[in-house]
């Protein structure tokens, strides 16, 4: 029996942990990829076709007070604690709200059109005391290195 995950927006399927780890290692073997990712002025990550993190820069890890490896396999809304990232079993990108999300739209359109995309996004993030809405500017850019990936960067537009 095939387990089909409900989605209202982007595909819900995920790469396995082994596939994420293999993509991570492939990108680490490309000499300039991590260096270029770390040179970006914003928190950034490289996503696989299933929108999962396969590499993160130090700025993103520092923002989240996490080691970059702890972010592997997760999707942007899950990392940023979007309140809708847990609405459906498929996670970030699959709820009724995700179709209007600037983050989801930028990634999806970049992946399907193979073009760079820039969007604005208001994301409500869960906090220890409730929730907080943040205004973000996001960039999604195709990267064809050792496979098809998406570079995804995020800026707090409220502090820009």
N, C-alpha and C. Protein backbone atom coordinates (compact mmCIF):
# COMPACT_ATOMS: atom_id res chain seq x y z
N UNK A 1 0.84 -1.17 0.00
CA UNK A 1 0.00 0.00 0.00
C UNK A 1 0.89 1.24 0.00
N UNK A 2 0.59 2.20 -0.86
CA UNK A 2 1.35 3.44 -0.97
C UNK A 2 0.76 4.47 -0.03
N UNK A 3 1.61 5.13 0.73
CA UNK A 3 1.17 6.17 1.66
C UNK A 3 1.25 7.51 0.94
N UNK A 4 0.10 8.08 0.57
CA UNK A 4 0.05 9.35 -0.13
C UNK A 4 -0.26 10.44 0.89
N UNK A 5 0.61 11.46 0.92
CA UNK A 5 0.43 12.57 1.85
C UNK A 5 -0.47 13.64 1.23
N UNK A 6 -1.36 14.17 2.04
CA UNK A 6 -2.26 15.24 1.62
C UNK A 6 -1.47 16.51 1.38
N UNK A 7 -1.78 17.21 0.29
CA UNK A 7 -1.17 18.51 0.04
C UNK A 7 -2.19 19.42 -0.64
N UNK A 8 -2.15 20.68 -0.26
CA UNK A 8 -2.99 21.69 -0.89
C UNK A 8 -2.16 22.59 -1.80
N UNK A 9 -0.85 22.39 -1.82
CA UNK A 9 0.01 23.29 -2.58
C UNK A 9 1.13 22.51 -3.25
N UNK A 10 2.33 22.57 -2.71
CA UNK A 10 3.48 21.92 -3.31
C UNK A 10 3.48 20.42 -3.00
N UNK A 11 4.23 19.64 -3.78
CA UNK A 11 4.30 18.20 -3.50
C UNK A 11 4.79 17.93 -2.08
N UNK A 12 4.23 16.91 -1.46
CA UNK A 12 4.55 16.59 -0.07
C UNK A 12 5.73 15.63 0.07
N UNK A 13 6.05 14.90 -0.99
CA UNK A 13 7.09 13.87 -0.90
C UNK A 13 8.44 14.47 -0.50
N UNK A 14 9.19 13.67 0.24
CA UNK A 14 10.52 14.07 0.70
C UNK A 14 11.56 13.06 0.24
N UNK A 15 12.77 13.55 0.11
CA UNK A 15 13.89 12.65 -0.12
C UNK A 15 14.18 11.93 1.20
N UNK A 16 14.73 10.75 1.12
CA UNK A 16 15.09 10.00 2.32
C UNK A 16 16.29 10.66 3.00
N UNK A 17 16.52 10.30 4.26
CA UNK A 17 17.68 10.81 4.98
C UNK A 17 18.97 10.46 4.23
N UNK A 18 19.02 9.28 3.65
CA UNK A 18 20.22 8.86 2.91
C UNK A 18 20.41 9.72 1.66
N UNK A 19 19.32 10.05 0.97
CA UNK A 19 19.43 10.91 -0.22
C UNK A 19 19.86 12.32 0.16
N UNK A 20 19.33 12.85 1.27
CA UNK A 20 19.73 14.18 1.75
C UNK A 20 21.22 14.16 2.09
N UNK A 21 21.67 13.13 2.79
CA UNK A 21 23.07 13.02 3.17
C UNK A 21 23.97 12.91 1.94
N UNK A 22 23.53 12.17 0.93
CA UNK A 22 24.31 12.02 -0.30
C UNK A 22 24.42 13.36 -1.03
N UNK A 23 23.31 14.11 -1.11
CA UNK A 23 23.35 15.44 -1.74
C UNK A 23 24.26 16.38 -0.95
N UNK A 24 24.20 16.31 0.37
CA UNK A 24 25.05 17.13 1.23
C UNK A 24 26.52 16.85 0.91
N UNK A 25 26.87 15.59 0.84
CA UNK A 25 28.26 15.22 0.56
C UNK A 25 28.68 15.64 -0.85
N UNK A 26 27.79 15.49 -1.83
CA UNK A 26 28.11 15.91 -3.20
C UNK A 26 28.42 17.40 -3.24
N UNK A 27 27.62 18.21 -2.55
CA UNK A 27 27.84 19.64 -2.56
C UNK A 27 29.11 20.03 -1.81
N UNK A 28 29.42 19.33 -0.73
CA UNK A 28 30.65 19.61 0.01
C UNK A 28 31.90 19.30 -0.83
N UNK A 29 31.76 18.39 -1.78
CA UNK A 29 32.89 18.03 -2.64
C UNK A 29 33.14 19.05 -3.74
N UNK A 30 32.18 19.94 -3.96
CA UNK A 30 32.38 21.03 -4.93
C UNK A 30 33.11 22.14 -4.19
N UNK A 31 34.33 22.47 -4.59
CA UNK A 31 35.18 23.37 -3.80
C UNK A 31 34.58 24.73 -3.48
N UNK A 32 33.83 25.33 -4.36
CA UNK A 32 33.37 26.69 -4.13
C UNK A 32 31.96 26.81 -3.55
N UNK A 33 31.21 25.74 -3.50
CA UNK A 33 29.80 25.85 -3.11
C UNK A 33 29.64 26.38 -1.69
N UNK A 34 30.28 25.77 -0.70
CA UNK A 34 30.14 26.23 0.68
C UNK A 34 30.73 27.63 0.84
N UNK A 35 31.85 27.89 0.17
CA UNK A 35 32.47 29.22 0.25
C UNK A 35 31.53 30.29 -0.30
N UNK A 36 30.90 30.03 -1.44
CA UNK A 36 29.96 31.00 -2.00
C UNK A 36 28.72 31.16 -1.13
N UNK A 37 28.22 30.06 -0.60
CA UNK A 37 27.05 30.13 0.28
C UNK A 37 27.36 30.96 1.52
N UNK A 38 28.53 30.75 2.09
CA UNK A 38 28.92 31.51 3.28
C UNK A 38 29.21 32.98 2.96
N UNK A 39 29.52 33.29 1.70
CA UNK A 39 29.81 34.68 1.33
C UNK A 39 28.54 35.52 1.17
N UNK A 40 27.39 34.88 1.09
CA UNK A 40 26.14 35.63 0.95
C UNK A 40 25.90 36.45 2.21
N UNK A 41 25.37 37.68 2.05
CA UNK A 41 25.17 38.54 3.23
C UNK A 41 23.96 38.16 4.07
N UNK A 42 23.16 37.21 3.62
CA UNK A 42 21.93 36.82 4.32
C UNK A 42 22.00 35.35 4.75
N UNK A 43 21.16 34.96 5.71
CA UNK A 43 21.01 33.52 5.99
C UNK A 43 20.55 32.82 4.71
N UNK A 44 21.20 31.71 4.39
CA UNK A 44 20.89 31.03 3.12
C UNK A 44 21.07 29.53 3.26
N UNK A 45 20.44 28.82 2.34
CA UNK A 45 20.50 27.37 2.32
C UNK A 45 20.39 26.88 0.89
N UNK A 46 20.81 25.67 0.66
CA UNK A 46 20.61 25.03 -0.64
C UNK A 46 19.59 23.93 -0.42
N UNK A 47 18.56 23.95 -1.29
CA UNK A 47 17.45 23.01 -1.20
C UNK A 47 17.53 21.99 -2.32
N UNK A 48 17.09 20.77 -2.04
CA UNK A 48 16.96 19.75 -3.07
C UNK A 48 15.62 19.96 -3.80
N UNK A 49 15.31 19.17 -4.82
CA UNK A 49 14.04 19.34 -5.52
C UNK A 49 12.80 19.16 -4.64
N UNK A 50 12.94 18.49 -3.49
CA UNK A 50 11.82 18.31 -2.56
C UNK A 50 11.78 19.43 -1.51
N UNK A 51 12.56 20.49 -1.74
CA UNK A 51 12.58 21.70 -0.90
C UNK A 51 13.19 21.46 0.48
N UNK A 52 14.03 20.45 0.59
CA UNK A 52 14.69 20.13 1.86
C UNK A 52 16.11 20.69 1.86
N UNK A 53 16.55 21.16 3.01
CA UNK A 53 17.90 21.69 3.14
C UNK A 53 18.93 20.58 2.96
N UNK A 54 19.88 20.81 2.07
CA UNK A 54 21.00 19.89 1.92
C UNK A 54 22.33 20.58 2.26
N UNK A 55 22.32 21.91 2.43
CA UNK A 55 23.49 22.66 2.85
C UNK A 55 23.01 24.01 3.37
N UNK A 56 23.61 24.49 4.46
CA UNK A 56 23.22 25.77 5.04
C UNK A 56 24.47 26.60 5.31
N UNK A 57 24.31 27.93 5.26
CA UNK A 57 25.46 28.77 5.58
C UNK A 57 25.52 29.05 7.08
N UNK A 58 26.65 29.58 7.51
CA UNK A 58 26.85 29.87 8.92
C UNK A 58 25.90 30.91 9.47
N UNK A 59 25.47 31.86 8.63
CA UNK A 59 24.54 32.90 9.08
C UNK A 59 23.19 32.31 9.45
N UNK A 60 22.72 31.34 8.69
CA UNK A 60 21.46 30.68 9.01
C UNK A 60 21.61 29.87 10.30
N UNK A 61 22.69 29.14 10.42
CA UNK A 61 22.92 28.34 11.63
C UNK A 61 23.00 29.24 12.86
N UNK A 62 23.70 30.38 12.74
CA UNK A 62 23.83 31.30 13.87
C UNK A 62 22.48 31.91 14.24
N UNK A 63 21.69 32.29 13.24
CA UNK A 63 20.36 32.86 13.48
C UNK A 63 19.50 31.89 14.28
N UNK A 64 19.61 30.62 13.96
CA UNK A 64 18.77 29.59 14.60
C UNK A 64 19.45 28.94 15.80
N UNK A 65 20.67 29.38 16.11
CA UNK A 65 21.43 28.80 17.21
C UNK A 65 21.51 27.28 17.07
N UNK A 66 21.91 26.85 15.86
CA UNK A 66 21.97 25.43 15.55
C UNK A 66 23.23 25.14 14.74
N UNK A 67 23.62 23.90 14.72
CA UNK A 67 24.69 23.47 13.83
C UNK A 67 24.08 23.28 12.44
N UNK A 68 24.81 23.62 11.38
CA UNK A 68 24.25 23.46 10.03
C UNK A 68 23.71 22.05 9.74
N UNK A 69 24.37 21.03 10.27
CA UNK A 69 23.93 19.65 10.03
C UNK A 69 22.57 19.36 10.65
N UNK A 70 22.19 20.11 11.70
CA UNK A 70 20.88 19.92 12.34
C UNK A 70 19.74 20.38 11.43
N UNK A 71 20.04 21.16 10.42
CA UNK A 71 19.01 21.70 9.52
C UNK A 71 18.75 20.80 8.33
N UNK A 72 19.61 19.83 8.10
CA UNK A 72 19.49 18.97 6.92
C UNK A 72 18.16 18.22 6.91
N UNK A 73 17.55 18.18 5.73
CA UNK A 73 16.32 17.44 5.53
C UNK A 73 15.06 18.21 5.88
N UNK A 74 15.21 19.37 6.51
CA UNK A 74 14.05 20.17 6.89
C UNK A 74 13.74 21.20 5.79
N UNK A 75 12.53 21.67 5.77
CA UNK A 75 12.10 22.68 4.80
C UNK A 75 12.14 24.06 5.45
N UNK A 76 12.20 25.12 4.62
CA UNK A 76 12.33 26.48 5.19
C UNK A 76 11.31 26.83 6.27
N UNK A 77 10.04 26.58 6.05
CA UNK A 77 9.02 26.91 7.05
C UNK A 77 9.18 26.13 8.34
N UNK A 78 9.70 24.92 8.23
CA UNK A 78 9.94 24.10 9.42
C UNK A 78 11.12 24.67 10.22
N UNK A 79 12.14 25.12 9.53
CA UNK A 79 13.31 25.71 10.18
C UNK A 79 12.94 27.02 10.87
N UNK A 80 12.10 27.82 10.20
CA UNK A 80 11.72 29.13 10.74
C UNK A 80 10.51 29.06 11.66
N UNK A 81 10.01 27.87 11.92
CA UNK A 81 8.89 27.62 12.83
C UNK A 81 7.58 28.27 12.37
N UNK A 82 7.35 28.26 11.05
CA UNK A 82 6.07 28.75 10.52
C UNK A 82 4.93 27.95 11.16
N UNK A 83 3.90 28.66 11.59
CA UNK A 83 2.80 27.98 12.28
C UNK A 83 2.03 27.03 11.36
N UNK A 84 2.16 27.21 10.03
CA UNK A 84 1.43 26.34 9.10
C UNK A 84 2.26 25.15 8.63
N UNK A 85 3.53 25.09 9.04
CA UNK A 85 4.40 24.00 8.56
C UNK A 85 3.99 22.65 9.12
N UNK A 86 3.14 22.63 10.14
CA UNK A 86 2.69 21.37 10.73
C UNK A 86 1.21 21.10 10.48
N UNK A 87 0.57 21.94 9.65
CA UNK A 87 -0.86 21.76 9.37
C UNK A 87 -1.16 20.44 8.67
N UNK A 88 -0.26 20.01 7.79
CA UNK A 88 -0.43 18.75 7.06
C UNK A 88 0.78 17.86 7.33
N UNK A 89 0.59 16.57 7.20
CA UNK A 89 1.69 15.63 7.46
C UNK A 89 2.88 15.86 6.53
N UNK A 90 2.66 16.44 5.36
CA UNK A 90 3.73 16.70 4.41
C UNK A 90 4.64 17.85 4.81
N UNK A 91 4.23 18.63 5.81
CA UNK A 91 5.07 19.71 6.31
C UNK A 91 5.00 20.97 5.49
N UNK A 92 6.06 21.77 5.57
CA UNK A 92 6.14 23.07 4.90
C UNK A 92 5.82 22.95 3.41
N UNK A 93 4.94 23.82 2.96
CA UNK A 93 4.58 23.86 1.55
C UNK A 93 3.30 23.12 1.20
N UNK A 94 2.68 22.44 2.17
CA UNK A 94 1.54 21.59 1.83
C UNK A 94 0.20 22.03 2.42
N UNK A 95 0.17 23.07 3.24
CA UNK A 95 -1.09 23.47 3.86
C UNK A 95 -1.92 24.35 2.92
N UNK A 96 -3.13 24.64 3.33
CA UNK A 96 -4.02 25.51 2.55
C UNK A 96 -3.44 26.92 2.41
N UNK A 97 -2.59 27.32 3.34
CA UNK A 97 -2.03 28.67 3.34
C UNK A 97 -0.78 28.78 2.48
N UNK A 98 -0.13 27.67 2.19
CA UNK A 98 1.17 27.68 1.53
C UNK A 98 1.12 28.16 0.08
N UNK A 99 -0.01 28.01 -0.58
CA UNK A 99 -0.13 28.45 -1.96
C UNK A 99 0.00 29.96 -2.12
N UNK A 100 -0.24 30.70 -1.04
CA UNK A 100 -0.13 32.15 -1.07
C UNK A 100 1.17 32.65 -0.44
N UNK A 101 1.97 31.75 0.09
CA UNK A 101 3.19 32.10 0.81
C UNK A 101 4.28 32.52 -0.19
N UNK A 102 4.90 33.66 0.07
CA UNK A 102 5.98 34.13 -0.79
C UNK A 102 7.17 33.18 -0.81
N UNK A 103 7.45 32.55 0.32
CA UNK A 103 8.54 31.58 0.39
C UNK A 103 8.25 30.40 -0.53
N UNK A 104 7.10 29.80 -0.35
CA UNK A 104 6.73 28.65 -1.17
C UNK A 104 6.64 28.98 -2.65
N UNK A 105 6.06 30.13 -2.96
CA UNK A 105 5.92 30.52 -4.36
C UNK A 105 7.27 30.78 -5.01
N UNK A 106 8.18 31.43 -4.29
CA UNK A 106 9.50 31.71 -4.86
C UNK A 106 10.24 30.41 -5.17
N UNK A 107 10.21 29.47 -4.23
CA UNK A 107 10.91 28.20 -4.44
C UNK A 107 10.27 27.43 -5.58
N UNK A 108 8.95 27.29 -5.54
CA UNK A 108 8.24 26.51 -6.56
C UNK A 108 8.46 27.10 -7.95
N UNK A 109 8.31 28.41 -8.09
CA UNK A 109 8.48 29.04 -9.41
C UNK A 109 9.92 28.97 -9.89
N UNK A 110 10.88 29.09 -8.98
CA UNK A 110 12.28 28.95 -9.38
C UNK A 110 12.55 27.53 -9.89
N UNK A 111 12.02 26.54 -9.18
CA UNK A 111 12.26 25.16 -9.57
C UNK A 111 11.55 24.80 -10.87
N UNK A 112 10.35 25.32 -11.09
CA UNK A 112 9.59 24.93 -12.28
C UNK A 112 9.94 25.74 -13.52
N UNK A 113 10.47 26.96 -13.33
CA UNK A 113 10.82 27.78 -14.49
C UNK A 113 12.32 27.90 -14.70
N UNK A 114 13.11 27.39 -13.76
CA UNK A 114 14.56 27.47 -13.80
C UNK A 114 15.04 28.92 -13.90
N UNK A 115 14.36 29.80 -13.15
CA UNK A 115 14.73 31.22 -13.11
C UNK A 115 14.82 31.68 -11.66
N UNK A 116 15.56 32.75 -11.46
CA UNK A 116 15.65 33.35 -10.12
C UNK A 116 14.34 34.05 -9.79
N UNK A 117 13.91 33.95 -8.55
CA UNK A 117 12.66 34.55 -8.10
C UNK A 117 12.90 35.31 -6.80
N UNK A 118 12.20 36.44 -6.65
CA UNK A 118 12.26 37.23 -5.42
C UNK A 118 10.82 37.48 -4.99
N UNK A 119 10.53 37.28 -3.72
CA UNK A 119 9.17 37.49 -3.21
C UNK A 119 9.25 38.10 -1.82
N UNK A 120 8.12 38.66 -1.42
CA UNK A 120 7.94 39.09 -0.05
C UNK A 120 7.02 38.10 0.63
N UNK A 121 7.17 37.99 1.93
CA UNK A 121 6.42 36.97 2.67
C UNK A 121 6.17 37.47 4.08
N UNK A 122 4.96 37.33 4.55
CA UNK A 122 4.69 37.54 5.98
C UNK A 122 4.49 36.15 6.56
N UNK A 123 5.37 35.78 7.47
CA UNK A 123 5.32 34.45 8.07
C UNK A 123 5.04 34.59 9.56
N UNK A 124 4.09 33.82 10.02
CA UNK A 124 3.81 33.79 11.45
C UNK A 124 4.56 32.60 12.03
N UNK A 125 5.47 32.90 12.93
CA UNK A 125 6.37 31.89 13.48
C UNK A 125 6.01 31.59 14.93
N UNK A 126 6.02 30.33 15.26
CA UNK A 126 5.77 29.91 16.65
C UNK A 126 6.96 30.30 17.51
N UNK A 127 6.66 30.80 18.70
CA UNK A 127 7.72 31.14 19.66
C UNK A 127 7.38 30.44 20.96
N UNK A 128 8.25 30.52 21.91
CA UNK A 128 7.99 29.91 23.21
C UNK A 128 6.78 30.51 23.90
N UNK A 129 6.47 31.78 23.60
CA UNK A 129 5.37 32.48 24.25
C UNK A 129 4.12 32.61 23.37
N UNK A 130 4.12 32.03 22.20
CA UNK A 130 2.96 32.15 21.30
C UNK A 130 3.41 32.19 19.86
N UNK A 131 3.20 33.36 19.22
CA UNK A 131 3.63 33.48 17.83
C UNK A 131 4.05 34.92 17.54
N UNK A 132 4.78 35.08 16.44
CA UNK A 132 5.30 36.36 16.03
C UNK A 132 5.24 36.42 14.52
N UNK A 133 4.65 37.48 13.96
CA UNK A 133 4.62 37.65 12.51
C UNK A 133 5.85 38.44 12.08
N UNK A 134 6.53 37.95 11.04
CA UNK A 134 7.71 38.61 10.52
C UNK A 134 7.53 38.85 9.02
N UNK A 135 8.03 39.98 8.56
CA UNK A 135 8.02 40.29 7.13
C UNK A 135 9.38 39.92 6.56
N UNK A 136 9.37 39.08 5.54
CA UNK A 136 10.59 38.57 4.95
C UNK A 136 10.68 38.94 3.48
N UNK A 137 11.89 39.06 3.00
CA UNK A 137 12.16 39.11 1.57
C UNK A 137 12.97 37.86 1.29
N UNK A 138 12.58 37.10 0.27
CA UNK A 138 13.22 35.82 -0.01
C UNK A 138 13.66 35.75 -1.47
N UNK A 139 14.76 35.04 -1.67
CA UNK A 139 15.31 34.82 -3.00
C UNK A 139 15.45 33.33 -3.22
N UNK A 140 15.03 32.85 -4.38
CA UNK A 140 15.23 31.45 -4.78
C UNK A 140 15.89 31.46 -6.15
N UNK A 141 17.03 30.79 -6.24
CA UNK A 141 17.83 30.82 -7.46
C UNK A 141 18.27 29.41 -7.82
N UNK A 142 18.05 29.01 -9.07
CA UNK A 142 18.48 27.66 -9.48
C UNK A 142 19.99 27.51 -9.39
N UNK A 143 20.43 26.31 -9.04
CA UNK A 143 21.84 25.98 -8.98
C UNK A 143 22.02 24.59 -9.58
N UNK A 144 22.73 24.52 -10.69
CA UNK A 144 22.97 23.23 -11.35
C UNK A 144 24.41 22.83 -11.09
N UNK A 145 24.67 22.28 -9.91
CA UNK A 145 25.98 21.79 -9.53
C UNK A 145 25.76 20.41 -8.91
N UNK A 146 26.32 19.39 -9.51
CA UNK A 146 26.16 18.01 -9.01
C UNK A 146 24.68 17.64 -8.86
N UNK A 147 23.83 18.18 -9.71
CA UNK A 147 22.39 17.93 -9.67
C UNK A 147 21.64 19.24 -9.75
N UNK A 148 20.33 19.18 -9.55
CA UNK A 148 19.49 20.39 -9.58
C UNK A 148 19.13 20.78 -8.17
N UNK A 149 19.50 21.98 -7.81
CA UNK A 149 19.25 22.50 -6.48
C UNK A 149 18.72 23.91 -6.56
N UNK A 150 18.32 24.46 -5.43
CA UNK A 150 17.85 25.85 -5.33
C UNK A 150 18.58 26.52 -4.18
N UNK A 151 19.20 27.65 -4.48
CA UNK A 151 19.77 28.47 -3.41
C UNK A 151 18.64 29.33 -2.90
N UNK A 152 18.41 29.31 -1.58
CA UNK A 152 17.32 30.06 -0.97
C UNK A 152 17.88 30.95 0.12
N UNK A 153 17.67 32.25 -0.01
CA UNK A 153 18.15 33.22 0.98
C UNK A 153 16.98 34.01 1.53
N UNK A 154 17.12 34.47 2.76
CA UNK A 154 16.02 35.15 3.45
C UNK A 154 16.55 36.37 4.21
N UNK A 155 15.78 37.45 4.15
CA UNK A 155 16.12 38.66 4.89
C UNK A 155 14.89 39.12 5.68
N UNK A 156 15.12 39.57 6.88
CA UNK A 156 14.06 40.17 7.68
C UNK A 156 13.78 41.55 7.09
N UNK A 157 12.69 41.67 6.33
CA UNK A 157 12.38 42.92 5.65
C UNK A 157 11.91 43.99 6.65
N UNK A 158 11.51 43.59 7.83
CA UNK A 158 11.10 44.54 8.85
C UNK A 158 12.27 45.31 9.41
N UNK A 159 13.48 44.78 9.26
CA UNK A 159 14.68 45.44 9.75
C UNK A 159 15.58 45.90 8.61
N UNK A 160 15.04 45.93 7.40
CA UNK A 160 15.87 46.29 6.23
C UNK A 160 16.08 47.78 6.14
